[in-house]
């Protein structure tokens, strides 16, 4: 599974992803949207590619190797539409 984000050194989860990449161990990850919806999965970080296309912004493309069935909550946080 792939996702892109702006890499922020002050963001603890971004720095944790760097450590996870080195360890190659499975972790629980959660991708969150502004409305509270999220996608949660167990995986290990298979790859990270950094680009600096803008003056000060650094983008990172994460690649995860997912283990098991992901869980999606598309309700904005109340859990009514969770998929196991």
N, C-alpha and C. Protein backbone atom coordinates (compact mmCIF):
# COMPACT_ATOMS: atom_id res chain seq x y z
N UNK A 1 0.84 -1.16 0.00
CA UNK A 1 0.00 0.00 0.00
C UNK A 1 0.90 1.23 0.00
N UNK A 2 0.51 2.24 -0.75
CA UNK A 2 1.30 3.47 -0.87
C UNK A 2 0.50 4.68 -0.41
N UNK A 3 1.21 5.67 0.12
CA UNK A 3 0.61 6.95 0.49
C UNK A 3 1.69 8.02 0.45
N UNK A 4 1.28 9.25 0.18
CA UNK A 4 2.21 10.39 0.19
C UNK A 4 1.80 11.37 1.26
N UNK A 5 2.80 12.06 1.81
CA UNK A 5 2.54 13.09 2.82
C UNK A 5 3.67 14.10 2.78
N UNK A 6 3.42 15.26 3.36
CA UNK A 6 4.52 16.19 3.59
C UNK A 6 5.24 15.71 4.84
N UNK A 7 6.54 15.54 4.74
CA UNK A 7 7.32 15.02 5.86
C UNK A 7 7.64 16.15 6.83
N UNK A 8 7.28 15.94 8.09
CA UNK A 8 7.52 16.94 9.14
C UNK A 8 8.37 16.30 10.23
N UNK A 9 9.59 16.79 10.39
CA UNK A 9 10.47 16.21 11.42
C UNK A 9 9.90 16.35 12.81
N UNK A 10 9.11 17.40 13.05
CA UNK A 10 8.54 17.61 14.38
C UNK A 10 7.31 16.73 14.63
N UNK A 11 6.86 15.98 13.63
CA UNK A 11 5.71 15.08 13.78
C UNK A 11 6.21 13.73 14.29
N UNK A 12 5.86 13.34 15.53
CA UNK A 12 6.37 12.08 16.09
C UNK A 12 6.07 10.86 15.22
N UNK A 13 4.91 10.80 14.60
CA UNK A 13 4.58 9.62 13.79
C UNK A 13 5.47 9.51 12.55
N UNK A 14 5.92 10.64 12.01
CA UNK A 14 6.81 10.61 10.85
C UNK A 14 8.19 10.09 11.26
N UNK A 15 8.67 10.54 12.41
CA UNK A 15 9.96 10.06 12.89
C UNK A 15 9.88 8.58 13.28
N UNK A 16 8.73 8.17 13.83
CA UNK A 16 8.54 6.76 14.18
C UNK A 16 8.57 5.89 12.93
N UNK A 17 8.03 6.39 11.83
CA UNK A 17 8.05 5.63 10.57
C UNK A 17 9.48 5.38 10.11
N UNK A 18 10.36 6.35 10.33
CA UNK A 18 11.78 6.14 9.98
C UNK A 18 12.37 5.00 10.81
N UNK A 19 12.07 4.99 12.11
CA UNK A 19 12.56 3.91 12.97
C UNK A 19 11.95 2.57 12.56
N UNK A 20 10.67 2.58 12.23
CA UNK A 20 10.00 1.35 11.81
C UNK A 20 10.61 0.80 10.52
N UNK A 21 10.99 1.70 9.62
CA UNK A 21 11.62 1.28 8.37
C UNK A 21 12.91 0.52 8.66
N UNK A 22 13.68 1.02 9.61
CA UNK A 22 14.94 0.36 9.98
C UNK A 22 14.70 -0.99 10.66
N UNK A 23 13.64 -1.09 11.47
CA UNK A 23 13.41 -2.32 12.24
C UNK A 23 12.75 -3.43 11.42
N UNK A 24 11.98 -3.06 10.40
CA UNK A 24 11.26 -4.02 9.55
C UNK A 24 10.23 -4.84 10.31
N UNK A 25 9.82 -4.39 11.48
CA UNK A 25 8.81 -5.11 12.25
C UNK A 25 7.42 -4.59 11.96
N UNK A 26 6.41 -5.46 12.11
CA UNK A 26 5.02 -5.04 11.92
C UNK A 26 4.59 -4.08 13.02
N UNK A 27 3.84 -3.07 12.64
CA UNK A 27 3.27 -2.09 13.55
C UNK A 27 1.83 -1.83 13.11
N UNK A 28 1.05 -1.21 13.99
CA UNK A 28 -0.30 -0.77 13.62
C UNK A 28 -0.19 0.67 13.13
N UNK A 29 -0.72 0.94 11.94
CA UNK A 29 -0.70 2.28 11.35
C UNK A 29 -2.13 2.75 11.15
N UNK A 30 -2.31 4.06 11.21
CA UNK A 30 -3.62 4.65 10.99
C UNK A 30 -3.45 5.89 10.11
N UNK A 31 -4.15 5.89 8.98
CA UNK A 31 -4.22 7.06 8.12
C UNK A 31 -5.52 7.76 8.45
N UNK A 32 -5.45 9.04 8.81
CA UNK A 32 -6.64 9.78 9.25
C UNK A 32 -6.96 10.92 8.30
N UNK A 33 -8.27 11.14 8.10
CA UNK A 33 -8.76 12.25 7.31
C UNK A 33 -9.25 13.34 8.25
N UNK A 34 -9.33 14.58 7.77
CA UNK A 34 -9.76 15.70 8.63
C UNK A 34 -11.14 15.51 9.26
N UNK A 35 -12.04 14.75 8.63
CA UNK A 35 -13.38 14.56 9.18
C UNK A 35 -13.44 13.48 10.26
N UNK A 36 -12.30 12.86 10.58
CA UNK A 36 -12.26 11.83 11.61
C UNK A 36 -12.30 10.41 11.07
N UNK A 37 -12.57 10.24 9.79
CA UNK A 37 -12.52 8.90 9.20
C UNK A 37 -11.08 8.41 9.22
N UNK A 38 -10.91 7.09 9.28
CA UNK A 38 -9.55 6.56 9.28
C UNK A 38 -9.50 5.18 8.64
N UNK A 39 -8.29 4.81 8.27
CA UNK A 39 -7.96 3.51 7.70
C UNK A 39 -6.84 2.97 8.56
N UNK A 40 -7.06 1.82 9.21
CA UNK A 40 -6.08 1.25 10.14
C UNK A 40 -5.65 -0.12 9.65
N UNK A 41 -4.35 -0.41 9.78
CA UNK A 41 -3.83 -1.67 9.27
C UNK A 41 -2.53 -2.04 9.98
N UNK A 42 -2.21 -3.33 9.94
CA UNK A 42 -0.93 -3.82 10.46
C UNK A 42 -0.01 -4.02 9.27
N UNK A 43 1.22 -3.51 9.40
CA UNK A 43 2.15 -3.57 8.27
C UNK A 43 3.56 -3.26 8.73
N UNK A 44 4.51 -3.46 7.83
CA UNK A 44 5.85 -2.92 8.05
C UNK A 44 6.17 -1.97 6.91
N UNK A 45 7.00 -0.97 7.21
CA UNK A 45 7.38 0.02 6.21
C UNK A 45 8.36 -0.64 5.25
N UNK A 46 7.93 -0.79 4.02
CA UNK A 46 8.73 -1.46 3.00
C UNK A 46 9.63 -0.47 2.26
N UNK A 47 9.19 0.78 2.18
CA UNK A 47 9.99 1.78 1.48
C UNK A 47 9.56 3.19 1.82
N UNK A 48 10.50 4.11 1.69
CA UNK A 48 10.24 5.54 1.88
C UNK A 48 11.07 6.28 0.83
N UNK A 49 10.41 7.16 0.09
CA UNK A 49 11.11 7.94 -0.93
C UNK A 49 10.83 9.42 -0.68
N UNK A 50 11.89 10.18 -0.51
CA UNK A 50 11.77 11.60 -0.22
C UNK A 50 12.00 12.43 -1.47
N UNK A 51 11.20 13.49 -1.63
CA UNK A 51 11.40 14.44 -2.72
C UNK A 51 11.25 15.85 -2.16
N UNK A 52 11.93 16.78 -2.78
CA UNK A 52 11.88 18.18 -2.36
C UNK A 52 11.54 19.02 -3.58
N UNK A 53 10.26 19.00 -3.96
CA UNK A 53 9.82 19.69 -5.16
C UNK A 53 9.56 21.18 -4.92
N UNK A 54 9.14 21.52 -3.72
CA UNK A 54 8.87 22.91 -3.38
C UNK A 54 10.05 23.47 -2.61
N UNK A 55 10.05 24.76 -2.42
CA UNK A 55 11.18 25.43 -1.78
C UNK A 55 11.51 24.86 -0.41
N UNK A 56 10.52 24.74 0.48
CA UNK A 56 10.79 24.27 1.84
C UNK A 56 10.08 22.97 2.19
N UNK A 57 9.17 22.50 1.36
CA UNK A 57 8.38 21.31 1.69
C UNK A 57 9.08 20.05 1.21
N UNK A 58 9.10 19.05 2.06
CA UNK A 58 9.66 17.75 1.71
C UNK A 58 8.50 16.76 1.70
N UNK A 59 8.33 16.06 0.59
CA UNK A 59 7.31 15.02 0.50
C UNK A 59 7.96 13.67 0.73
N UNK A 60 7.17 12.77 1.29
CA UNK A 60 7.63 11.39 1.45
C UNK A 60 6.55 10.47 0.91
N UNK A 61 6.98 9.49 0.15
CA UNK A 61 6.08 8.44 -0.34
C UNK A 61 6.38 7.19 0.49
N UNK A 62 5.40 6.76 1.26
CA UNK A 62 5.53 5.56 2.08
C UNK A 62 5.01 4.36 1.30
N UNK A 63 5.66 3.23 1.46
CA UNK A 63 5.16 1.96 0.96
C UNK A 63 5.14 0.99 2.12
N UNK A 64 3.95 0.42 2.38
CA UNK A 64 3.80 -0.55 3.46
C UNK A 64 3.49 -1.92 2.89
N UNK A 65 3.96 -2.95 3.55
CA UNK A 65 3.57 -4.32 3.27
C UNK A 65 2.54 -4.68 4.33
N UNK A 66 1.27 -4.74 3.92
CA UNK A 66 0.16 -4.95 4.84
C UNK A 66 0.03 -6.43 5.19
N UNK A 67 -0.23 -6.69 6.47
CA UNK A 67 -0.44 -8.04 6.97
C UNK A 67 -1.84 -8.12 7.55
N UNK A 68 -2.67 -8.97 7.02
CA UNK A 68 -4.03 -9.10 7.53
C UNK A 68 -4.99 -8.15 6.85
N UNK A 69 -6.20 -8.11 7.38
CA UNK A 69 -7.27 -7.31 6.78
C UNK A 69 -7.29 -5.90 7.39
N UNK A 70 -7.22 -4.86 6.55
CA UNK A 70 -7.31 -3.48 7.05
C UNK A 70 -8.70 -3.17 7.59
N UNK A 71 -8.79 -2.15 8.41
CA UNK A 71 -10.06 -1.70 8.98
C UNK A 71 -10.30 -0.26 8.55
N UNK A 72 -11.50 0.02 8.05
CA UNK A 72 -11.85 1.37 7.63
C UNK A 72 -13.04 1.86 8.44
N UNK A 73 -12.92 3.06 8.99
CA UNK A 73 -14.02 3.73 9.66
C UNK A 73 -14.29 4.98 8.86
N UNK A 74 -15.36 4.97 8.08
CA UNK A 74 -15.66 6.10 7.22
C UNK A 74 -16.72 7.02 7.76
N UNK A 75 -17.00 6.95 9.05
CA UNK A 75 -18.11 7.70 9.63
C UNK A 75 -17.68 8.98 10.31
N UNK A 76 -16.39 9.27 10.32
CA UNK A 76 -15.96 10.46 11.03
C UNK A 76 -15.86 10.22 12.52
N UNK A 77 -15.69 8.95 12.92
CA UNK A 77 -15.36 8.68 14.30
C UNK A 77 -16.40 8.02 15.17
N UNK A 78 -17.66 7.84 14.72
CA UNK A 78 -18.61 7.22 15.64
C UNK A 78 -18.63 5.70 15.55
N UNK A 79 -17.97 5.12 14.54
CA UNK A 79 -17.81 3.68 14.47
C UNK A 79 -18.96 2.91 13.87
N UNK A 80 -20.08 3.58 13.50
CA UNK A 80 -21.24 2.86 12.99
C UNK A 80 -20.96 2.11 11.69
N UNK A 81 -20.06 2.62 10.87
CA UNK A 81 -19.77 1.98 9.59
C UNK A 81 -18.41 1.31 9.56
N UNK A 82 -17.91 0.91 10.70
CA UNK A 82 -16.62 0.22 10.74
C UNK A 82 -16.70 -1.07 9.94
N UNK A 83 -15.62 -1.37 9.24
CA UNK A 83 -15.52 -2.67 8.60
C UNK A 83 -14.46 -3.46 9.35
N UNK A 84 -14.79 -4.67 9.78
CA UNK A 84 -13.82 -5.46 10.55
C UNK A 84 -12.66 -5.92 9.69
